[in-house]
């Protein structure tokens, strides 16, 4: 048998370097490059300095249309059966967990129950976060080709998690339309140093950060819905439950009422359940897992849009594409799959929000070579990243020596 000539090892490594410089992902390079003895070349992991290196803030040399052309067309196709399969899967696991908890936990010896219940809360909370993500996808019209079906599924799922579906859908849509804008973004809008509260300097320490993170993860979601905490500044009181609040226009008000009715209906069902089974039973079965859902929702959103390497823009510099790119993909380990990859495909999601989540990984792989340095991924464990961002990202200011005074970066020196 005639053997094909092989490329010398040093030339193969040069090719690898060229591929990485040209924007090919390390995964792609690793799959196609083998060393002596069949060993795969593995590029070095990013250092902390690499992760914290600022992304470019200049207008990108590519367009949204060029990015879309790089993505296989089938990635934009929405399948009712495929989408519903995730709903059925998540709800089936949720029911199994509920069945085990209500039928077998009472049979456990007393010490083991103190371990079983927190495990149930954590696992069910993660699974229900996946349900939350599917309802979020309905709000983006990424579940099916039928808007009425998306809204029906989203309303039912979100209401069961005490989320006002249409209210959040419209404010979240405006977040996608204004990502990275200091004036018009809707969520986790960073403050300028001059806008910090007087007590901020007293929280800039480990104890203060623990307190801030605890309040943010436990109460952040209801505070945002009720009082627009960490949201966009409005001239008057803004609340997601108020159909006549400044967040919504006249065409949206009826649907805000529908959202309120959905939340009230589920709240009443929970009230009746508490009257029958007891408040402690409702908390253990439903309340505690819901706190996990709310905590992860806040954490995921916080980490997607808060990073020392990401810019924010005022009206003199902001444009939609640069704003959409001012986000970061994160690695939550096995939870990436549980959360339907909303964590590690968020850049692609902001560029093409009507794309179903089950195509987002393929789309991300397709656009990374074009995005180049404009694509940012941080593989720092999420609990470590949470602490780092809480420490380093207290407010935003432009660089003093930079002519682009409309570009703002995170700082922490008070």
Protein backbone atom coordinates (compact mmCIF):
# COMPACT_ATOMS: atom_id res chain seq x y z
CA UNK A 1 0.00 0.00 0.00
CA UNK A 2 1.33 3.41 -0.96
CA UNK A 3 1.68 5.78 2.01
CA UNK A 4 0.78 9.42 1.60
CA UNK A 5 3.46 11.87 2.67
CA UNK A 6 2.85 13.50 6.04
CA UNK A 7 3.48 17.11 6.88
CA UNK A 8 6.37 17.76 9.30
CA UNK A 9 5.23 18.46 12.83
CA UNK A 10 6.60 22.00 12.93
CA UNK A 11 4.70 22.89 9.75
CA UNK A 12 1.52 21.42 11.17
CA UNK A 13 1.83 23.64 14.22
CA UNK A 14 2.38 26.67 11.97
CA UNK A 15 -0.86 25.81 10.19
CA UNK A 16 -2.58 25.63 13.55
CA UNK A 17 -1.34 29.08 14.45
CA UNK A 18 -2.57 30.46 11.14
CA UNK A 19 -5.99 28.92 11.66
CA UNK A 20 -6.30 30.45 15.09
CA UNK A 21 -5.17 33.87 13.85
CA UNK A 22 -7.72 33.71 11.04
CA UNK A 23 -10.48 33.15 13.58
CA UNK A 24 -11.03 29.40 13.45
CA UNK A 25 -12.12 28.07 16.80
CA UNK A 26 -9.69 26.01 18.85
CA UNK A 27 -12.19 23.14 18.77
CA UNK A 28 -12.15 23.15 14.96
CA UNK A 29 -8.37 23.27 14.85
CA UNK A 30 -8.06 20.49 17.41
CA UNK A 31 -10.38 18.24 15.43
CA UNK A 32 -8.32 18.57 12.26
CA UNK A 33 -4.76 18.60 13.58
CA UNK A 34 -2.93 15.55 14.85
CA UNK A 35 0.56 15.34 16.24
CA UNK A 36 3.02 12.48 16.23
CA UNK A 37 1.56 9.18 17.32
CA UNK A 38 -1.99 10.42 16.66
CA UNK A 39 -1.99 12.83 19.58
CA UNK A 40 -4.24 15.82 19.04
CA UNK A 41 -2.74 19.30 19.27
CA UNK A 42 -4.44 21.13 22.12
CA UNK A 43 -3.96 24.91 22.17
CA UNK A 44 -3.16 26.48 25.53
CA UNK A 45 -6.09 27.62 27.65
CA UNK A 46 -6.80 31.31 27.97
CA UNK A 47 -5.06 33.02 30.85
CA UNK A 48 -6.81 35.43 33.20
CA UNK A 49 -5.20 38.29 31.28
CA UNK A 50 -6.61 36.94 28.00
CA UNK A 51 -10.10 36.67 29.50
CA UNK A 52 -9.97 40.24 30.84
CA UNK A 53 -8.54 41.74 27.65
CA UNK A 54 -10.92 44.34 26.30
CA UNK A 55 -12.88 43.47 23.18
CA UNK A 56 -12.73 45.91 20.24
CA UNK A 57 -15.15 48.82 20.45
CA UNK A 58 -14.65 50.20 16.93
CA UNK A 59 -17.31 49.59 14.30
CA UNK A 60 -16.82 45.96 13.22
CA UNK A 61 -15.51 45.17 9.71
CA UNK A 62 -18.44 42.82 9.07
CA UNK A 63 -22.19 43.26 8.79
CA UNK A 64 -25.12 41.40 10.28
CA UNK A 65 -25.92 40.12 6.80
CA UNK A 66 -22.45 38.60 6.45
CA UNK A 67 -22.87 36.85 9.78
CA UNK A 68 -26.25 35.48 8.73
CA UNK A 69 -24.85 34.13 5.47
CA UNK A 70 -22.23 32.18 7.40
CA UNK A 71 -24.91 30.29 9.33
CA UNK A 72 -26.46 27.20 7.71
CA UNK A 73 -30.04 28.09 6.65
CA UNK A 74 -31.59 25.23 8.63
CA UNK A 75 -30.46 26.91 11.85
CA UNK A 76 -33.24 29.47 11.40
CA UNK A 77 -35.95 26.86 10.97
CA UNK A 78 -38.33 26.40 13.92
CA UNK A 79 -39.93 23.00 14.52
CA UNK A 80 -43.05 22.61 16.66
CA UNK A 81 -42.24 18.98 17.44
CA UNK A 82 -38.61 19.71 18.24
CA UNK A 83 -39.50 22.65 20.47
CA UNK A 84 -42.26 20.78 22.29
CA UNK A 85 -39.90 17.86 22.91
CA UNK A 86 -37.92 20.08 25.28
CA UNK A 87 -41.09 21.17 27.08
CA UNK A 88 -42.17 17.55 27.54
CA UNK A 89 -38.68 16.50 28.63
CA UNK A 90 -38.34 19.24 31.25
CA UNK A 91 -41.85 18.79 32.62
CA UNK A 92 -41.44 15.01 32.78
CA UNK A 93 -38.28 15.35 34.87
CA UNK A 94 -40.04 17.93 37.06
CA UNK A 95 -42.97 15.56 37.67
CA UNK A 96 -40.63 12.66 38.50
CA UNK A 97 -38.81 14.81 41.04
CA UNK A 98 -42.13 15.92 42.54
CA UNK A 99 -43.37 12.32 42.72
CA UNK A 100 -40.20 11.10 44.44
CA UNK A 101 -40.21 13.99 46.92
CA UNK A 102 -43.86 13.63 47.90
CA UNK A 103 -43.90 9.82 48.10
CA UNK A 104 -40.48 8.77 49.34
CA UNK A 105 -38.83 11.61 51.27
CA UNK A 106 -41.13 10.96 54.21
CA UNK A 107 -39.79 7.39 54.39
CA UNK A 108 -36.19 8.53 54.80
CA UNK A 109 -34.49 8.53 58.22
CA UNK A 110 -34.59 12.01 59.71
CA UNK A 111 -30.98 13.05 59.02
CA UNK A 112 -31.22 12.05 55.34
CA UNK A 113 -34.28 14.21 54.73
CA UNK A 114 -32.22 17.30 55.51
CA UNK A 115 -30.01 16.33 52.58
CA UNK A 116 -32.76 15.13 50.25
CA UNK A 117 -34.84 18.31 50.33
CA UNK A 118 -32.04 20.75 49.42
CA UNK A 119 -31.01 18.38 46.62
CA UNK A 120 -34.60 18.38 45.36
CA UNK A 121 -34.73 22.19 45.48
CA UNK A 122 -31.46 22.56 43.60
CA UNK A 123 -32.18 19.98 40.88
CA UNK A 124 -35.79 21.01 40.30
CA UNK A 125 -34.77 24.67 40.35
CA UNK A 126 -32.25 24.02 37.57
CA UNK A 127 -34.78 22.04 35.50
CA UNK A 128 -37.41 24.75 35.91
CA UNK A 129 -34.84 27.32 34.84
CA UNK A 130 -34.77 25.38 31.58
CA UNK A 131 -38.57 25.71 31.42
CA UNK A 132 -38.13 29.45 32.00
CA UNK A 133 -35.70 29.61 29.07
CA UNK A 134 -38.20 27.88 26.76
CA UNK A 135 -40.87 30.44 27.72
CA UNK A 136 -38.29 33.16 27.07
CA UNK A 137 -37.79 31.66 23.63
CA UNK A 138 -41.54 31.89 23.04
CA UNK A 139 -41.28 35.61 23.76
CA UNK A 140 -38.73 35.91 20.96
CA UNK A 141 -40.98 34.01 18.50
CA UNK A 142 -38.30 31.30 18.36
CA UNK A 143 -40.50 28.40 19.48
CA UNK A 144 -42.55 27.92 16.29
CA UNK A 145 -43.66 29.71 13.13
CA UNK A 146 -46.97 30.61 14.78
CA UNK A 147 -47.02 33.66 17.03
CA UNK A 148 -50.27 32.63 18.73
CA UNK A 149 -48.77 29.26 19.68
CA UNK A 150 -45.59 30.87 21.00
CA UNK A 151 -47.58 33.31 23.11
CA UNK A 152 -49.91 30.60 24.43
CA UNK A 153 -47.06 28.29 25.48
CA UNK A 154 -45.03 31.20 26.88
CA UNK A 155 -47.99 32.58 28.84
CA UNK A 156 -48.75 29.22 30.45
CA UNK A 157 -45.14 28.35 31.31
CA UNK A 158 -44.16 31.79 32.58
CA UNK A 159 -47.37 32.23 34.58
CA UNK A 160 -46.67 28.94 36.35
CA UNK A 161 -43.34 30.46 37.40
CA UNK A 162 -45.07 33.72 38.48
CA UNK A 163 -43.61 35.66 35.55
CA UNK A 164 -45.83 38.21 33.74
CA UNK A 165 -45.22 36.84 30.25
CA UNK A 166 -46.23 39.71 27.97
CA UNK A 167 -44.95 42.35 30.38
CA UNK A 168 -41.51 40.84 30.40
CA UNK A 169 -41.66 39.97 26.68
CA UNK A 170 -41.99 43.62 25.71
CA UNK A 171 -39.41 45.01 28.11
CA UNK A 172 -37.01 42.23 27.12
CA UNK A 173 -37.56 43.00 23.44
CA UNK A 174 -36.49 46.58 24.14
CA UNK A 175 -33.42 45.22 25.93
CA UNK A 176 -32.47 43.40 22.72
CA UNK A 177 -33.11 46.55 20.70
CA UNK A 178 -30.86 48.66 22.95
CA UNK A 179 -28.24 46.31 24.40
CA UNK A 180 -25.18 48.12 25.67
CA UNK A 181 -26.83 51.56 25.62
CA UNK A 182 -26.43 53.52 28.84
CA UNK A 183 -29.58 55.53 28.10
CA UNK A 184 -32.00 52.95 26.66
CA UNK A 185 -31.02 49.43 27.73
CA UNK A 186 -33.60 47.83 30.00
CA UNK A 187 -31.70 45.56 32.39
CA UNK A 188 -28.47 45.63 34.41
CA UNK A 189 -27.76 49.13 33.19
CA UNK A 190 -24.46 50.11 34.85
CA UNK A 191 -24.20 53.35 36.74
CA UNK A 192 -21.70 56.09 36.13
CA UNK A 193 -19.47 56.96 39.07
CA UNK A 194 -21.35 60.21 39.63
CA UNK A 195 -24.61 58.27 40.02
CA UNK A 196 -23.42 55.86 42.71
CA UNK A 197 -25.31 55.87 46.00
CA UNK A 198 -23.57 57.29 49.06
CA UNK A 199 -23.38 53.86 50.69
CA UNK A 200 -21.61 52.20 47.72
CA UNK A 201 -18.17 52.74 49.21
CA UNK A 202 -19.21 50.83 52.33
CA UNK A 203 -20.17 47.81 50.22
CA UNK A 204 -16.86 47.72 48.33
CA UNK A 205 -15.42 44.97 50.52
CA UNK A 206 -15.92 41.19 50.93
CA UNK A 207 -18.71 41.49 53.49
CA UNK A 208 -20.49 44.12 51.43
CA UNK A 209 -20.21 42.02 48.28
CA UNK A 210 -21.66 38.96 50.03
CA UNK A 211 -24.60 41.06 51.21
CA UNK A 212 -25.10 42.64 47.78
CA UNK A 213 -24.96 39.29 45.96
CA UNK A 214 -27.36 37.67 48.44
CA UNK A 215 -29.93 40.43 48.01
CA UNK A 216 -29.46 40.43 44.23
CA UNK A 217 -29.89 36.67 43.82
CA UNK A 218 -32.80 36.30 46.27
CA UNK A 219 -34.75 39.50 45.70
CA UNK A 220 -33.34 40.88 42.45
CA UNK A 221 -35.98 39.40 40.13
CA UNK A 222 -39.11 40.49 42.05
CA UNK A 223 -37.53 43.90 42.74
CA UNK A 224 -36.94 44.34 39.00
CA UNK A 225 -40.51 43.36 38.12
CA UNK A 226 -42.09 45.48 40.85
CA UNK A 227 -39.83 48.54 41.02
CA UNK A 228 -37.58 48.33 37.94
CA UNK A 229 -34.49 48.00 40.16
CA UNK A 230 -31.32 47.90 37.99
CA UNK A 231 -33.45 48.74 34.95
CA UNK A 232 -33.63 51.70 32.60
CA UNK A 233 -34.29 55.12 34.11
CA UNK A 234 -37.80 56.41 33.48
CA UNK A 235 -39.18 59.82 34.39
CA UNK A 236 -41.91 58.20 36.48
CA UNK A 237 -42.53 55.00 38.40
CA UNK A 238 -42.09 51.89 36.25
CA UNK A 239 -43.56 48.49 37.12
CA UNK A 240 -44.00 45.37 34.99
CA UNK A 241 -47.49 44.82 36.38
CA UNK A 242 -48.75 48.31 35.50
CA UNK A 243 -50.40 48.38 32.05
CA UNK A 244 -50.20 52.18 32.03
CA UNK A 245 -46.58 52.40 33.15
CA UNK A 246 -43.93 54.08 30.98
CA UNK A 247 -42.51 50.74 29.82
CA UNK A 248 -45.52 50.00 27.58
CA UNK A 249 -47.41 51.69 24.76
CA UNK A 250 -51.13 51.71 24.07
CA UNK A 251 -51.05 48.64 21.81
CA UNK A 252 -49.46 46.53 24.54
CA UNK A 253 -51.67 47.42 27.51
CA UNK A 254 -54.33 44.75 27.00
CA UNK A 255 -51.69 42.02 27.00
CA UNK A 256 -50.21 43.40 30.22
CA UNK A 257 -53.62 42.82 31.80
CA UNK A 258 -53.56 39.24 30.47
CA UNK A 259 -50.12 38.72 32.03
CA UNK A 260 -51.39 40.01 35.36
CA UNK A 261 -54.39 37.68 35.20
CA UNK A 262 -52.07 34.72 34.54
CA UNK A 263 -49.91 35.51 37.56
CA UNK A 264 -52.95 36.14 39.76
CA UNK A 265 -54.53 32.83 38.71
CA UNK A 266 -51.44 30.85 39.66
CA UNK A 267 -51.06 32.85 42.88
CA UNK A 268 -54.65 32.01 43.82
CA UNK A 269 -54.04 28.32 43.08
CA UNK A 270 -51.00 28.43 45.36
CA UNK A 271 -53.08 30.14 48.06
CA UNK A 272 -55.70 27.39 47.88
CA UNK A 273 -52.96 24.77 47.95
CA UNK A 274 -51.39 26.36 51.02
CA UNK A 275 -54.77 26.40 52.74
CA UNK A 276 -55.13 22.69 52.04
CA UNK A 277 -51.59 21.36 52.43
CA UNK A 278 -49.98 24.03 54.55
CA UNK A 279 -47.60 26.86 53.74
CA UNK A 280 -44.52 24.76 54.59
CA UNK A 281 -45.57 22.09 52.07
CA UNK A 282 -46.02 24.68 49.30
CA UNK A 283 -42.66 26.24 50.10
CA UNK A 284 -40.82 22.90 50.06
CA UNK A 285 -42.47 21.66 46.88
CA UNK A 286 -42.70 24.90 44.90
CA UNK A 287 -41.35 27.97 46.70
CA UNK A 288 -37.77 26.90 47.31
CA UNK A 289 -37.19 25.64 43.73
CA UNK A 290 -38.70 28.91 42.45
CA UNK A 291 -36.11 30.84 44.47
CA UNK A 292 -33.41 28.81 42.69
CA UNK A 293 -34.99 29.68 39.32
CA UNK A 294 -35.10 33.37 40.16
CA UNK A 295 -31.53 33.31 41.43
CA UNK A 296 -30.18 31.65 38.30
CA UNK A 297 -32.19 33.98 36.08
CA UNK A 298 -30.61 37.01 37.71
CA UNK A 299 -27.14 35.44 37.77
CA UNK A 300 -27.23 34.36 34.12
CA UNK A 301 -28.38 37.79 32.96
CA UNK A 302 -25.88 39.57 35.20
CA UNK A 303 -22.93 37.55 33.92
CA UNK A 304 -24.00 37.82 30.27
CA UNK A 305 -23.83 41.61 30.35
CA UNK A 306 -21.32 42.38 33.09
CA UNK A 307 -17.63 41.82 32.37
CA UNK A 308 -14.47 43.95 32.65
CA UNK A 309 -13.75 43.30 28.96
CA UNK A 310 -17.11 44.57 27.67
CA UNK A 311 -17.85 48.19 26.72
CA UNK A 312 -21.03 50.19 27.15
CA UNK A 313 -21.91 53.16 24.98
CA UNK A 314 -23.70 56.46 25.31
CA UNK A 315 -25.81 57.89 22.51
CA UNK A 316 -22.79 59.44 20.78
CA UNK A 317 -21.23 56.03 20.10
CA UNK A 318 -23.93 53.36 20.39
CA UNK A 319 -25.21 51.39 17.44
CA UNK A 320 -27.20 48.17 17.41
CA UNK A 321 -24.49 45.78 16.18
CA UNK A 322 -21.81 46.94 18.59
CA UNK A 323 -24.35 46.82 21.40
CA UNK A 324 -25.40 43.27 20.52
CA UNK A 325 -21.75 42.23 20.55
CA UNK A 326 -21.23 43.73 24.02
CA UNK A 327 -22.14 40.47 25.70
CA UNK A 328 -20.24 37.34 26.67
CA UNK A 329 -20.73 33.59 26.43
CA UNK A 330 -20.13 31.75 29.71
CA UNK A 331 -19.52 28.14 30.71
CA UNK A 332 -21.81 26.61 33.34
CA UNK A 333 -20.60 23.05 32.81
CA UNK A 334 -23.38 20.48 32.65
CA UNK A 335 -25.90 23.25 33.36
CA UNK A 336 -25.33 24.59 29.84
CA UNK A 337 -27.48 21.73 28.57
CA UNK A 338 -29.98 21.97 31.42
CA UNK A 339 -30.41 25.69 30.61
CA UNK A 340 -30.75 24.91 26.88
CA UNK A 341 -27.47 26.66 26.08
CA UNK A 342 -28.72 30.16 26.84
CA UNK A 343 -25.50 30.52 28.82
CA UNK A 344 -22.88 29.65 26.21
CA UNK A 345 -24.61 30.89 23.02
CA UNK A 346 -25.76 34.29 24.20
CA UNK A 347 -23.79 36.26 21.62
CA UNK A 348 -25.53 34.42 18.78
CA UNK A 349 -28.85 34.85 20.59
CA UNK A 350 -28.44 38.62 20.68
CA UNK A 351 -27.59 38.70 16.99
CA UNK A 352 -30.41 36.37 15.91
CA UNK A 353 -32.99 36.17 18.68
CA UNK A 354 -35.64 34.30 16.63
CA UNK A 355 -33.29 31.34 16.16
CA UNK A 356 -34.33 28.30 18.25
CA UNK A 357 -31.92 27.32 20.99
CA UNK A 358 -31.28 23.85 19.56
CA UNK A 359 -29.47 25.43 16.60
CA UNK A 360 -27.56 28.07 18.57
CA UNK A 361 -24.41 25.99 19.13
CA UNK A 362 -24.03 25.31 15.42
CA UNK A 363 -24.66 28.97 14.64
CA UNK A 364 -22.10 30.12 17.20
CA UNK A 365 -19.48 27.83 15.67
CA UNK A 366 -20.27 29.24 12.23
CA UNK A 367 -19.92 32.92 13.13
CA UNK A 368 -16.92 32.77 15.45
CA UNK A 369 -14.35 32.91 12.60
CA UNK A 370 -16.00 36.09 11.28
CA UNK A 371 -16.44 37.71 14.69
CA UNK A 372 -12.80 37.16 15.60
CA UNK A 373 -11.87 39.35 18.56
CA UNK A 374 -15.39 40.73 18.69
CA UNK A 375 -16.52 37.37 20.06
CA UNK A 376 -15.91 36.97 23.79
CA UNK A 377 -16.04 33.73 25.75
CA UNK A 378 -15.15 33.39 29.41
CA UNK A 379 -14.77 29.87 30.78
CA UNK A 380 -14.27 31.01 34.36
CA UNK A 381 -16.49 28.92 36.69
CA UNK A 382 -19.67 30.92 37.18
CA UNK A 383 -19.41 31.17 40.98
CA UNK A 384 -15.87 32.54 40.66
CA UNK A 385 -16.92 34.90 37.85
CA UNK A 386 -19.85 36.12 39.95
CA UNK A 387 -17.49 37.18 42.74
CA UNK A 388 -14.96 38.74 40.36
CA UNK A 389 -17.57 40.78 38.49
CA UNK A 390 -19.19 41.91 41.74
CA UNK A 391 -15.76 43.16 42.80
CA UNK A 392 -14.47 44.67 39.54
CA UNK A 393 -17.65 46.02 37.92
CA UNK A 394 -19.07 48.67 40.22
CA UNK A 395 -19.57 51.52 37.74
CA UNK A 396 -18.56 52.62 34.23
CA UNK A 397 -16.45 55.53 33.04
CA UNK A 398 -14.68 56.37 29.75
CA UNK A 399 -10.90 56.25 29.58
CA UNK A 400 -9.47 59.68 30.39
CA UNK A 401 -6.89 59.54 27.60
CA UNK A 402 -9.29 58.17 24.98
CA UNK A 403 -10.82 60.45 22.37
CA UNK A 404 -13.89 58.19 22.32
CA UNK A 405 -15.58 59.57 25.42
CA UNK A 406 -18.79 57.78 24.50
CA UNK A 407 -17.25 54.37 25.23
CA UNK A 408 -17.49 53.33 28.87
CA UNK A 409 -15.65 50.58 30.77
CA UNK A 410 -16.19 48.98 34.15
CA UNK A 411 -14.16 50.16 37.15
CA UNK A 412 -14.20 49.65 40.91
CA UNK A 413 -12.09 52.44 42.45
CA UNK A 414 -14.33 54.62 44.61
